[in-house]
Structure formats: C-alpha cells, structure tokens
Amino acid sequence: RIENNVKFTTDLAKAYKGQYRGIILLGHSVRNGYMKGVYTGLKNIREPVLYIHGDGHNWEVKQPFKEDGWDNFWDIQVDQGGHAPPIKLTFRGL
C-alpha cells in the first residue's frame, strides 16, 4: 500500500510540474517508508513540500532532509486532538 501511495503522490507532482508552487501533504503519521519514498520521488523536483501529520501527538516542526540540501521540505507534527486548539491553514492561489 505504501508503494502505491508514494507512486500516486510522485506521479501527480511530476504530471503537474510547473502548475503549482508547492505541495501540501496531510497524513496520519510519519511512517518512514512513505516519507522516504516521497523524498526519493520528489527530490529532483525540489518544490517546497509541507507534510502535516499527528504521529507523535506533540507540536513539532522539523526539516528532515535539510542535510541532503532540501531545505524546503517541512515536517509538521500537530498536537493530539482535544488537547490543543486546531491549527489554521490558509492556502492562496497564484
């Protein structure tokens, strides 16, 4: 299943290259297999990526691929539901 999800994500990013300014992924967890696969599939595109998930149930912001030269990949872990206010995201078009 992870392989299919990675392929779906990376295929869409490649198919629409040039039609977006960044990629926002919402997920339940930060399972290494998925994120490593997405990283491998998107690393040559190098678009900004924001991955929001609730794996650890504590607010945390990381840049896990910064050492690899991809400083536009952000991993945001949100607080556990009911223990913190919801986050608010604003998406603006081109």
Protein backbone atom coordinates (compact mmCIF):
# COMPACT_ATOMS: atom_id res chain seq x y z
CA ARG A 1 0.00 0.00 0.00
CA ILE A 2 2.80 2.44 0.82
CA GLU A 3 4.38 1.90 -2.59
CA ASN A 4 1.06 2.75 -4.30
CA ASN A 5 0.68 5.90 -2.20
CA VAL A 6 4.22 7.01 -2.99
CA LYS A 7 3.71 6.37 -6.71
CA PHE A 8 0.41 8.27 -6.69
CA THR A 9 1.96 11.26 -4.92
CA THR A 10 5.09 11.46 -7.05
CA ASP A 11 3.24 10.79 -10.34
CA LEU A 12 0.87 13.70 -9.65
CA ALA A 13 3.73 16.01 -8.71
CA LYS A 14 5.56 15.19 -11.94
CA ALA A 15 2.43 15.39 -14.11
CA TYR A 16 1.53 18.88 -12.88
CA LYS A 17 5.08 20.27 -12.57
CA GLY A 18 5.06 23.99 -13.30
CA GLN A 19 1.40 24.36 -12.34
CA TYR A 20 1.96 24.65 -8.59
CA ARG A 21 4.26 26.50 -6.21
CA GLY A 22 4.42 23.84 -3.53
CA ILE A 23 2.95 20.59 -2.27
CA ILE A 24 0.96 20.11 0.92
CA LEU A 25 0.53 16.56 2.19
CA LEU A 26 -1.76 15.66 5.06
CA GLY A 27 -1.23 12.34 6.80
CA HIS A 28 -1.88 10.42 9.95
CA SER A 29 1.71 9.52 10.73
CA VAL A 30 5.27 9.98 9.57
CA ARG A 31 5.96 6.38 8.68
CA ASN A 32 9.49 6.19 7.34
CA GLY A 33 8.63 4.08 4.30
CA TYR A 34 6.19 6.62 2.92
CA MET A 35 8.26 9.73 3.56
CA LYS A 36 11.48 8.15 2.31
CA GLY A 37 9.62 7.09 -0.83
CA VAL A 38 8.14 10.54 -1.34
CA TYR A 39 11.56 12.08 -0.76
CA THR A 40 13.13 9.79 -3.34
CA GLY A 41 10.36 10.55 -5.83
CA LEU A 42 10.31 14.31 -5.32
CA LYS A 43 13.94 15.13 -4.60
CA ASN A 44 14.68 16.07 -8.20
CA ILE A 45 11.59 18.28 -8.43
CA ARG A 46 12.76 20.24 -5.38
CA GLU A 47 9.46 22.08 -4.88
CA PRO A 48 8.56 23.19 -1.37
CA VAL A 49 6.73 20.42 0.50
CA LEU A 50 4.76 20.70 3.73
CA TYR A 51 3.84 17.40 5.40
CA ILE A 52 1.35 17.74 8.27
CA HIS A 53 0.65 14.73 10.48
CA GLY A 54 -0.20 13.76 14.05
CA ASP A 55 2.14 10.84 14.65
CA GLY A 56 3.64 11.84 17.99
CA HIS A 57 0.76 13.95 19.32
CA ASN A 58 3.08 16.85 20.23
CA TRP A 59 3.69 20.05 18.27
CA GLU A 60 6.97 19.75 16.39
CA VAL A 61 8.43 21.31 13.27
CA LYS A 62 11.38 19.65 11.52
CA GLN A 63 13.28 19.79 8.28
CA PRO A 64 14.37 16.14 7.98
CA PHE A 65 16.06 16.47 4.59
CA LYS A 66 17.91 19.73 5.19
CA GLU A 67 21.24 17.89 5.45
CA ASP A 68 20.54 16.50 1.97
CA GLY A 69 20.22 20.04 0.61
CA TRP A 70 16.41 20.15 0.53
CA ASP A 71 15.60 22.94 2.96
CA ASN A 72 12.09 23.46 1.54
CA PHE A 73 10.71 20.22 3.00
CA TRP A 74 8.87 20.84 6.27
CA ASP A 75 7.55 18.10 8.56
CA ILE A 76 4.94 19.47 10.97
CA GLN A 77 3.59 17.24 13.69
CA VAL A 78 0.40 18.55 15.32
CA ASP A 79 -0.78 18.19 18.90
CA GLN A 80 -3.14 15.44 19.95
CA GLY A 81 -6.75 16.30 19.17
CA GLY A 82 -8.69 17.74 22.09
CA HIS A 83 -5.52 18.78 23.94
CA ALA A 84 -4.69 21.80 21.84
CA PRO A 85 -6.57 24.19 19.59
CA PRO A 86 -6.77 23.19 15.92
CA ILE A 87 -4.27 24.64 13.51
CA LYS A 88 -5.49 27.01 10.83
CA LEU A 89 -4.04 26.84 7.36
CA THR A 90 -4.55 29.41 4.64
CA PHE A 91 -3.95 28.47 1.02
CA ARG A 92 -3.62 31.24 -1.53
CA GLY A 93 -3.77 30.81 -5.28
CA LEU A 94 -1.28 32.13 -7.78
